[in-house]
Amino acid sequence: MSKFRIEIKWAIIFSLATLLWMAFEKSMGWHDVLIEKHAIYTNFFAIIAITVYVLALLDKRKVDYNGKMNWKQGFISGIILSVIISLLSPLTQYITSTFITPEYFTNIIKFAVDSGKMTQEAAESYFSLKSYVIQGVFGALTMGIVTSAIVAFFVKRQ
């Protein structure tokens, strides 16, 4: 486990950043009065996510590789980071849904149905803790791997 200490550290930082972002979204009204804006504004979290990946791989390069890291080393580190983030994502989603914004699912279901985007049944199925946990795990893996490949290219140093 000690060889993954940097990835574990940054996965925890990523998860805390996610929770802070959820609290920010809630405070901005994107989970209730401005819920129609949520689908647009939530994408700005990508800036934070990419920044965490960059800082994680720079930390890995500095500490574990003495300032030199090739693309493959960075990519593997990023994959490990992504796996740990995906393992933490159910807990992060649970905390978000239970403590930060417990009314989010009710609000988004109502919005989706009232706006004619989904039926009640479809909305209740899609906007649920179970669905979001599954989406979170697979989203963290897929987006994390893609981000890792790109970030590793930019932080490599021979």
N, C-alpha and C. Protein backbone atom coordinates (compact mmCIF):
# COMPACT_ATOMS: atom_id res chain seq x y z
N MET A 1 0.82 -1.20 0.00
CA MET A 1 0.00 0.00 0.00
C MET A 1 0.86 1.26 0.00
N SER A 2 2.04 1.18 0.58
CA SER A 2 2.85 2.39 0.67
C SER A 2 3.30 2.89 -0.70
N LYS A 3 3.35 1.98 -1.68
CA LYS A 3 3.75 2.43 -3.02
C LYS A 3 2.62 3.19 -3.71
N PHE A 4 1.41 3.12 -3.14
CA PHE A 4 0.27 3.85 -3.68
C PHE A 4 -0.15 5.02 -2.78
N ARG A 5 0.70 5.40 -1.84
CA ARG A 5 0.32 6.44 -0.88
C ARG A 5 -0.03 7.77 -1.55
N ILE A 6 0.65 8.11 -2.60
CA ILE A 6 0.36 9.38 -3.29
C ILE A 6 -1.01 9.30 -3.96
N GLU A 7 -1.30 8.19 -4.63
CA GLU A 7 -2.61 8.03 -5.26
C GLU A 7 -3.73 8.02 -4.23
N ILE A 8 -3.51 7.36 -3.10
CA ILE A 8 -4.52 7.34 -2.03
C ILE A 8 -4.75 8.76 -1.51
N LYS A 9 -3.66 9.47 -1.26
CA LYS A 9 -3.77 10.86 -0.77
C LYS A 9 -4.59 11.72 -1.72
N TRP A 10 -4.27 11.64 -3.01
CA TRP A 10 -4.95 12.49 -3.98
C TRP A 10 -6.37 12.02 -4.27
N ALA A 11 -6.65 10.74 -4.11
CA ALA A 11 -8.04 10.26 -4.25
C ALA A 11 -8.89 10.81 -3.11
N ILE A 12 -8.32 10.87 -1.92
CA ILE A 12 -9.05 11.45 -0.78
C ILE A 12 -9.25 12.95 -1.02
N ILE A 13 -8.23 13.62 -1.51
CA ILE A 13 -8.37 15.05 -1.84
C ILE A 13 -9.44 15.25 -2.90
N PHE A 14 -9.45 14.40 -3.93
CA PHE A 14 -10.46 14.48 -4.98
C PHE A 14 -11.86 14.31 -4.39
N SER A 15 -12.02 13.33 -3.52
CA SER A 15 -13.32 13.08 -2.91
C SER A 15 -13.77 14.25 -2.04
N LEU A 16 -12.85 14.83 -1.29
CA LEU A 16 -13.19 16.01 -0.49
C LEU A 16 -13.55 17.19 -1.37
N ALA A 17 -12.82 17.35 -2.47
CA ALA A 17 -13.13 18.42 -3.43
C ALA A 17 -14.53 18.21 -4.02
N THR A 18 -14.88 16.96 -4.29
CA THR A 18 -16.21 16.64 -4.81
C THR A 18 -17.28 17.05 -3.81
N LEU A 19 -17.07 16.72 -2.54
CA LEU A 19 -18.04 17.08 -1.51
C LEU A 19 -18.16 18.60 -1.35
N LEU A 20 -17.04 19.29 -1.41
CA LEU A 20 -17.09 20.76 -1.35
C LEU A 20 -17.82 21.33 -2.56
N TRP A 21 -17.60 20.76 -3.73
CA TRP A 21 -18.29 21.21 -4.93
C TRP A 21 -19.80 20.99 -4.81
N MET A 22 -20.19 19.85 -4.26
CA MET A 22 -21.62 19.58 -4.08
C MET A 22 -22.24 20.60 -3.12
N ALA A 23 -21.52 20.95 -2.06
CA ALA A 23 -22.02 21.97 -1.13
C ALA A 23 -22.10 23.32 -1.85
N PHE A 24 -21.14 23.62 -2.70
CA PHE A 24 -21.15 24.85 -3.49
C PHE A 24 -22.36 24.87 -4.43
N GLU A 25 -22.58 23.77 -5.16
CA GLU A 25 -23.72 23.68 -6.06
C GLU A 25 -25.03 23.92 -5.30
N LYS A 26 -25.15 23.29 -4.15
CA LYS A 26 -26.35 23.46 -3.33
C LYS A 26 -26.52 24.91 -2.93
N SER A 27 -25.42 25.53 -2.49
CA SER A 27 -25.50 26.94 -2.05
C SER A 27 -25.82 27.89 -3.19
N MET A 28 -25.51 27.51 -4.41
CA MET A 28 -25.81 28.33 -5.57
C MET A 28 -27.25 28.14 -6.05
N GLY A 29 -27.96 27.19 -5.45
CA GLY A 29 -29.35 26.94 -5.83
C GLY A 29 -29.51 25.98 -6.98
N TRP A 30 -28.44 25.34 -7.42
CA TRP A 30 -28.50 24.45 -8.57
C TRP A 30 -29.16 23.11 -8.25
N HIS A 31 -29.47 22.89 -6.98
CA HIS A 31 -30.15 21.66 -6.58
C HIS A 31 -31.61 21.91 -6.23
N ASP A 32 -32.05 23.17 -6.35
CA ASP A 32 -33.45 23.46 -6.05
C ASP A 32 -33.98 24.59 -6.94
N VAL A 33 -33.88 25.84 -6.52
CA VAL A 33 -34.52 26.94 -7.26
C VAL A 33 -33.95 27.14 -8.67
N LEU A 34 -32.71 26.82 -8.89
CA LEU A 34 -32.09 26.95 -10.22
C LEU A 34 -31.71 25.59 -10.80
N ILE A 35 -32.50 24.59 -10.49
CA ILE A 35 -32.15 23.22 -10.90
C ILE A 35 -32.06 23.07 -12.41
N GLU A 36 -32.75 23.92 -13.15
CA GLU A 36 -32.68 23.84 -14.61
C GLU A 36 -31.28 24.19 -15.12
N LYS A 37 -30.47 24.87 -14.32
CA LYS A 37 -29.10 25.24 -14.70
C LYS A 37 -28.07 24.17 -14.30
N HIS A 38 -28.49 23.22 -13.47
CA HIS A 38 -27.55 22.25 -12.91
C HIS A 38 -26.77 21.49 -13.97
N ALA A 39 -27.45 21.00 -15.00
CA ALA A 39 -26.79 20.18 -16.03
C ALA A 39 -25.67 20.94 -16.73
N ILE A 40 -25.78 22.24 -16.81
CA ILE A 40 -24.74 23.07 -17.43
C ILE A 40 -23.61 23.35 -16.45
N TYR A 41 -23.98 23.91 -15.30
CA TYR A 41 -22.97 24.40 -14.36
C TYR A 41 -22.18 23.30 -13.66
N THR A 42 -22.75 22.12 -13.51
CA THR A 42 -22.02 21.04 -12.84
C THR A 42 -20.77 20.64 -13.62
N ASN A 43 -20.76 20.92 -14.93
CA ASN A 43 -19.60 20.58 -15.75
C ASN A 43 -18.35 21.37 -15.40
N PHE A 44 -18.52 22.49 -14.72
CA PHE A 44 -17.35 23.28 -14.32
C PHE A 44 -16.48 22.54 -13.30
N PHE A 45 -17.03 21.50 -12.68
CA PHE A 45 -16.22 20.69 -11.78
C PHE A 45 -15.05 20.04 -12.51
N ALA A 46 -15.17 19.89 -13.81
CA ALA A 46 -14.08 19.30 -14.61
C ALA A 46 -12.78 20.06 -14.41
N ILE A 47 -12.85 21.37 -14.24
CA ILE A 47 -11.64 22.17 -14.01
C ILE A 47 -10.95 21.72 -12.73
N ILE A 48 -11.74 21.52 -11.69
CA ILE A 48 -11.19 21.07 -10.41
C ILE A 48 -10.64 19.65 -10.55
N ALA A 49 -11.39 18.78 -11.21
CA ALA A 49 -10.97 17.38 -11.37
C ALA A 49 -9.65 17.29 -12.12
N ILE A 50 -9.53 18.02 -13.21
CA ILE A 50 -8.29 18.00 -13.99
C ILE A 50 -7.14 18.56 -13.18
N THR A 51 -7.40 19.63 -12.43
CA THR A 51 -6.36 20.22 -11.58
C THR A 51 -5.86 19.21 -10.56
N VAL A 52 -6.76 18.47 -9.94
CA VAL A 52 -6.35 17.45 -8.96
C VAL A 52 -5.49 16.38 -9.63
N TYR A 53 -5.87 15.95 -10.82
CA TYR A 53 -5.07 14.95 -11.55
C TYR A 53 -3.68 15.49 -11.88
N VAL A 54 -3.61 16.74 -12.32
CA VAL A 54 -2.31 17.35 -12.63
C VAL A 54 -1.44 17.39 -11.37
N LEU A 55 -2.00 17.89 -10.28
CA LEU A 55 -1.24 17.98 -9.03
C LEU A 55 -0.82 16.61 -8.52
N ALA A 56 -1.70 15.62 -8.67
CA ALA A 56 -1.37 14.26 -8.23
C ALA A 56 -0.20 13.69 -9.03
N LEU A 57 -0.25 13.84 -10.34
CA LEU A 57 0.83 13.29 -11.17
C LEU A 57 2.13 14.07 -11.00
N LEU A 58 2.03 15.37 -10.78
CA LEU A 58 3.25 16.15 -10.48
C LEU A 58 3.85 15.69 -9.15
N ASP A 59 3.02 15.43 -8.17
CA ASP A 59 3.47 14.93 -6.87
C ASP A 59 4.13 13.56 -7.04
N LYS A 60 3.51 12.70 -7.81
CA LYS A 60 4.06 11.37 -8.07
C LYS A 60 5.43 11.48 -8.75
N ARG A 61 5.51 12.34 -9.75
CA ARG A 61 6.77 12.53 -10.48
C ARG A 61 7.87 13.01 -9.52
N LYS A 62 7.54 13.96 -8.69
CA LYS A 62 8.54 14.54 -7.78
C LYS A 62 8.98 13.56 -6.69
N VAL A 63 8.01 12.93 -6.04
CA VAL A 63 8.31 12.10 -4.88
C VAL A 63 8.80 10.70 -5.25
N ASP A 64 8.10 10.04 -6.14
CA ASP A 64 8.41 8.64 -6.42
C ASP A 64 9.38 8.44 -7.58
N TYR A 65 9.49 9.44 -8.46
CA TYR A 65 10.33 9.27 -9.63
C TYR A 65 11.44 10.31 -9.73
N ASN A 66 11.75 10.98 -8.62
CA ASN A 66 12.85 11.95 -8.54
C ASN A 66 12.81 12.99 -9.66
N GLY A 67 11.62 13.46 -9.97
CA GLY A 67 11.48 14.52 -10.96
C GLY A 67 11.43 14.06 -12.40
N LYS A 68 11.55 12.76 -12.64
CA LYS A 68 11.48 12.23 -14.00
C LYS A 68 10.40 11.16 -14.05
N MET A 69 9.54 11.26 -15.03
CA MET A 69 8.46 10.29 -15.17
C MET A 69 8.08 10.22 -16.64
N ASN A 70 8.00 9.00 -17.17
CA ASN A 70 7.56 8.86 -18.55
C ASN A 70 6.03 8.79 -18.61
N TRP A 71 5.50 8.77 -19.83
CA TRP A 71 4.05 8.77 -19.99
C TRP A 71 3.42 7.53 -19.35
N LYS A 72 4.03 6.37 -19.56
CA LYS A 72 3.47 5.13 -19.04
C LYS A 72 3.39 5.15 -17.51
N GLN A 73 4.44 5.64 -16.86
CA GLN A 73 4.43 5.72 -15.40
C GLN A 73 3.31 6.66 -14.93
N GLY A 74 3.18 7.79 -15.58
CA GLY A 74 2.13 8.73 -15.23
C GLY A 74 0.74 8.17 -15.48
N PHE A 75 0.58 7.49 -16.61
CA PHE A 75 -0.70 6.91 -16.96
C PHE A 75 -1.10 5.83 -15.97
N ILE A 76 -0.17 4.97 -15.60
CA ILE A 76 -0.46 3.92 -14.62
C ILE A 76 -0.84 4.53 -13.27
N SER A 77 -0.11 5.54 -12.86
CA SER A 77 -0.45 6.23 -11.61
C SER A 77 -1.85 6.83 -11.69
N GLY A 78 -2.17 7.42 -12.83
CA GLY A 78 -3.50 8.00 -13.03
C GLY A 78 -4.60 6.95 -13.00
N ILE A 79 -4.31 5.78 -13.56
CA ILE A 79 -5.30 4.69 -13.53
C ILE A 79 -5.53 4.24 -12.08
N ILE A 80 -4.46 4.10 -11.33
CA ILE A 80 -4.58 3.72 -9.92
C ILE A 80 -5.39 4.77 -9.17
N LEU A 81 -5.08 6.03 -9.41
CA LEU A 81 -5.84 7.14 -8.81
C LEU A 81 -7.32 7.02 -9.16
N SER A 82 -7.62 6.75 -10.42
CA SER A 82 -9.01 6.63 -10.89
C SER A 82 -9.74 5.47 -10.22
N VAL A 83 -9.05 4.36 -10.05
CA VAL A 83 -9.65 3.19 -9.39
C VAL A 83 -9.99 3.53 -7.94
N ILE A 84 -9.07 4.19 -7.25
CA ILE A 84 -9.32 4.53 -5.85
C ILE A 84 -10.47 5.55 -5.75
N ILE A 85 -10.47 6.54 -6.63
CA ILE A 85 -11.57 7.51 -6.65
C ILE A 85 -12.90 6.79 -6.90
N SER A 86 -12.91 5.85 -7.83
CA SER A 86 -14.15 5.12 -8.13
C SER A 86 -14.60 4.28 -6.93
N LEU A 87 -13.65 3.75 -6.17
CA LEU A 87 -14.00 2.98 -4.97
C LEU A 87 -14.56 3.89 -3.87
N LEU A 88 -14.08 5.13 -3.82
CA LEU A 88 -14.58 6.09 -2.83
C LEU A 88 -15.88 6.76 -3.26
N SER A 89 -16.20 6.70 -4.54
CA SER A 89 -17.36 7.45 -5.04
C SER A 89 -18.71 7.02 -4.44
N PRO A 90 -18.95 5.75 -4.12
CA PRO A 90 -20.24 5.45 -3.47
C PRO A 90 -20.38 6.15 -2.12
N LEU A 91 -19.30 6.22 -1.35
CA LEU A 91 -19.35 6.93 -0.07
C LEU A 91 -19.57 8.42 -0.30
N THR A 92 -18.87 8.97 -1.26
CA THR A 92 -19.03 10.39 -1.58
C THR A 92 -20.47 10.69 -2.01
N GLN A 93 -21.03 9.82 -2.85
CA GLN A 93 -22.42 10.01 -3.29
C GLN A 93 -23.40 9.87 -2.14
N TYR A 94 -23.15 8.91 -1.26
CA TYR A 94 -24.01 8.73 -0.09
C TYR A 94 -23.99 9.97 0.79
N ILE A 95 -22.81 10.49 1.06
CA ILE A 95 -22.70 11.70 1.89
C ILE A 95 -23.41 12.87 1.22
N THR A 96 -23.22 13.01 -0.08
CA THR A 96 -23.88 14.09 -0.82
C THR A 96 -25.39 13.96 -0.72
N SER A 97 -25.90 12.78 -1.01
CA SER A 97 -27.35 12.56 -1.08
C SER A 97 -28.03 12.56 0.28
N THR A 98 -27.30 12.20 1.31
CA THR A 98 -27.88 12.09 2.63
C THR A 98 -27.72 13.35 3.47
N PHE A 99 -26.55 13.98 3.37
CA PHE A 99 -26.26 15.10 4.27
C PHE A 99 -26.19 16.46 3.58
N ILE A 100 -25.60 16.53 2.40
CA ILE A 100 -25.41 17.82 1.75
C ILE A 100 -26.68 18.29 1.06
N THR A 101 -27.30 17.42 0.30
CA THR A 101 -28.47 17.81 -0.48
C THR A 101 -29.49 16.68 -0.56
N PRO A 102 -30.12 16.36 0.57
CA PRO A 102 -31.06 15.22 0.58
C PRO A 102 -32.30 15.42 -0.29
N GLU A 103 -32.62 16.64 -0.64
CA GLU A 103 -33.81 16.90 -1.46
C GLU A 103 -33.49 16.93 -2.96
N TYR A 104 -32.25 16.74 -3.34
CA TYR A 104 -31.87 16.83 -4.74
C TYR A 104 -32.66 15.87 -5.63
N PHE A 105 -32.73 14.60 -5.27
CA PHE A 105 -33.42 13.64 -6.13
C PHE A 105 -34.90 14.00 -6.31
N THR A 106 -35.55 14.40 -5.23
CA THR A 106 -36.95 14.83 -5.33
C THR A 106 -37.08 16.01 -6.28
N ASN A 107 -36.19 16.98 -6.14
CA ASN A 107 -36.25 18.19 -6.98
C ASN A 107 -35.96 17.89 -8.45
N ILE A 108 -34.97 17.08 -8.72
CA ILE A 108 -34.60 16.80 -10.11
C ILE A 108 -35.65 15.90 -10.78
N ILE A 109 -36.25 15.02 -10.01
CA ILE A 109 -37.33 14.19 -10.57
C ILE A 109 -38.51 15.08 -10.95
N LYS A 110 -38.87 15.98 -10.06
CA LYS A 110 -39.99 16.90 -10.34
C LYS A 110 -39.67 17.76 -11.57
N PHE A 111 -38.46 18.27 -11.65
CA PHE A 111 -38.07 19.09 -12.80
C PHE A 111 -38.13 18.29 -14.10
N ALA A 112 -37.57 17.08 -14.09
CA ALA A 112 -37.54 16.26 -15.30
C ALA A 112 -38.95 15.92 -15.77
N VAL A 113 -39.85 15.63 -14.84
CA VAL A 113 -41.22 15.27 -15.21
C VAL A 113 -41.99 16.51 -15.66
N ASP A 114 -41.90 17.60 -14.86
CA ASP A 114 -42.63 18.83 -15.18
C ASP A 114 -42.21 19.44 -16.52
N SER A 115 -40.93 19.29 -16.87
CA SER A 115 -40.44 19.86 -18.12
C SER A 115 -40.68 18.92 -19.31
N GLY A 116 -41.24 17.75 -19.05
CA GLY A 116 -41.54 16.81 -20.11
C GLY A 116 -40.34 16.04 -20.63
N LYS A 117 -39.23 16.10 -19.92
CA LYS A 117 -38.02 15.40 -20.36
C LYS A 117 -38.07 13.89 -20.07
N MET A 118 -38.82 13.52 -19.02
CA MET A 118 -38.90 12.11 -18.63
C MET A 118 -40.27 11.82 -18.03
N THR A 119 -40.63 10.55 -18.06
CA THR A 119 -41.82 10.12 -17.33
C THR A 119 -41.46 10.02 -15.85
N GLN A 120 -42.46 9.98 -15.01
CA GLN A 120 -42.23 9.85 -13.56
C GLN A 120 -41.41 8.59 -13.26
N GLU A 121 -41.81 7.48 -13.87
CA GLU A 121 -41.11 6.21 -13.62
C GLU A 121 -39.66 6.26 -14.07
N ALA A 122 -39.40 6.79 -15.26
CA ALA A 122 -38.03 6.89 -15.77
C ALA A 122 -37.19 7.81 -14.90
N ALA A 123 -37.78 8.93 -14.50
CA ALA A 123 -37.04 9.89 -13.66
C ALA A 123 -36.70 9.29 -12.31
N GLU A 124 -37.65 8.58 -11.71
CA GLU A 124 -37.40 7.96 -10.40
C GLU A 124 -36.32 6.88 -10.49
N SER A 125 -36.27 6.20 -11.60
CA SER A 125 -35.26 5.17 -11.80
C SER A 125 -33.87 5.78 -12.01
N TYR A 126 -33.83 6.80 -12.86
CA TYR A 126 -32.54 7.42 -13.21
C TYR A 126 -31.99 8.26 -12.07
N PHE A 127 -32.84 9.05 -11.43
CA PHE A 127 -32.41 9.96 -10.36
C PHE A 127 -32.63 9.30 -9.01
N SER A 128 -31.73 8.38 -8.69
CA SER A 128 -31.79 7.66 -7.41
C SER A 128 -30.37 7.44 -6.91
N LEU A 129 -30.25 7.15 -5.66
CA LEU A 129 -28.93 6.90 -5.08
C LEU A 129 -28.27 5.71 -5.77
N LYS A 130 -29.02 4.65 -6.00
CA LYS A 130 -28.44 3.47 -6.65
C LYS A 130 -27.90 3.83 -8.03
N SER A 131 -28.68 4.54 -8.82
CA SER A 131 -28.27 4.92 -10.16
C SER A 131 -27.04 5.84 -10.12
N TYR A 132 -27.05 6.79 -9.21
CA TYR A 132 -25.92 7.72 -9.12
C TYR A 132 -24.65 7.05 -8.61
N VAL A 133 -24.79 6.07 -7.74
CA VAL A 133 -23.61 5.31 -7.29
C VAL A 133 -23.01 4.57 -8.48
N ILE A 134 -23.84 3.91 -9.27
CA ILE A 134 -23.35 3.18 -10.44
C ILE A 134 -22.70 4.15 -11.44
N GLN A 135 -23.40 5.26 -11.72
CA GLN A 135 -22.85 6.26 -12.63
C GLN A 135 -21.53 6.82 -12.10
N GLY A 136 -21.46 7.03 -10.79
CA GLY A 136 -20.25 7.59 -10.18
C GLY A 136 -19.06 6.65 -10.32
N VAL A 137 -19.28 5.38 -10.07
CA VAL A 137 -18.18 4.40 -10.16
C VAL A 137 -17.66 4.33 -11.60
N PHE A 138 -18.57 4.14 -12.55
CA PHE A 138 -18.13 3.99 -13.93
C PHE A 138 -17.67 5.31 -14.53
N GLY A 139 -18.29 6.41 -14.12
CA GLY A 139 -17.86 7.74 -14.59
C GLY A 139 -16.46 8.07 -14.10
N ALA A 140 -16.19 7.75 -12.84
CA ALA A 140 -14.85 8.00 -12.29
C ALA A 140 -13.80 7.18 -13.02
N LEU A 141 -14.14 5.95 -13.35
CA LEU A 141 -13.18 5.10 -14.07
C LEU A 141 -12.94 5.60 -15.49
N THR A 142 -14.01 5.82 -16.24
CA THR A 142 -13.83 6.20 -17.64
C THR A 142 -13.23 7.58 -17.78
N MET A 143 -13.80 8.56 -17.10
CA MET A 143 -13.26 9.92 -17.21
C MET A 143 -11.87 10.00 -16.60
N GLY A 144 -11.64 9.26 -15.54
CA GLY A 144 -10.34 9.25 -14.90
C GLY A 144 -9.25 8.68 -15.79
N ILE A 145 -9.57 7.62 -16.49
CA ILE A 145 -8.58 7.01 -17.39
C ILE A 145 -8.27 7.94 -18.56
N VAL A 146 -9.29 8.54 -19.13
CA VAL A 146 -9.07 9.50 -20.22
C VAL A 146 -8.24 10.68 -19.73
N THR A 147 -8.62 11.22 -18.58
CA THR A 147 -7.89 12.36 -18.00
C THR A 147 -6.44 11.95 -17.72
N SER A 148 -6.24 10.76 -17.19
CA SER A 148 -4.89 10.27 -16.88
C SER A 148 -4.02 10.21 -18.12
N ALA A 149 -4.57 9.73 -19.20
CA ALA A 149 -3.80 9.62 -20.45
C ALA A 149 -3.34 10.98 -20.93
N ILE A 150 -4.24 11.96 -20.85
CA ILE A 150 -3.91 13.31 -21.32
C ILE A 150 -2.95 14.01 -20.37
N VAL A 151 -3.26 13.96 -19.09
CA VAL A 151 -2.41 14.65 -18.10
C VAL A 151 -1.02 14.04 -18.08
N ALA A 152 -0.93 12.71 -18.16
CA ALA A 152 0.39 12.05 -18.16
C ALA A 152 1.25 12.54 -19.31
N PHE A 153 0.63 12.81 -20.44
CA PHE A 153 1.37 13.33 -21.58
C PHE A 153 2.00 14.69 -21.26
N PHE A 154 1.29 15.54 -20.55
CA PHE A 154 1.77 16.89 -20.27
C PHE A 154 2.73 16.98 -19.08
N VAL A 155 2.66 16.02 -18.15
CA VAL A 155 3.54 16.10 -16.98
C VAL A 155 4.76 15.19 -17.07
N LYS A 156 4.86 14.43 -18.16
CA LYS A 156 6.04 13.56 -18.31
C LYS A 156 7.30 14.43 -18.42
N ARG A 157 8.36 13.89 -17.89
CA ARG A 157 9.66 14.56 -17.98
C ARG A 157 10.72 13.48 -17.98
N GLN A 158 11.54 13.48 -19.01
CA GLN A 158 12.58 12.46 -19.16
C GLN A 158 13.87 12.84 -18.45
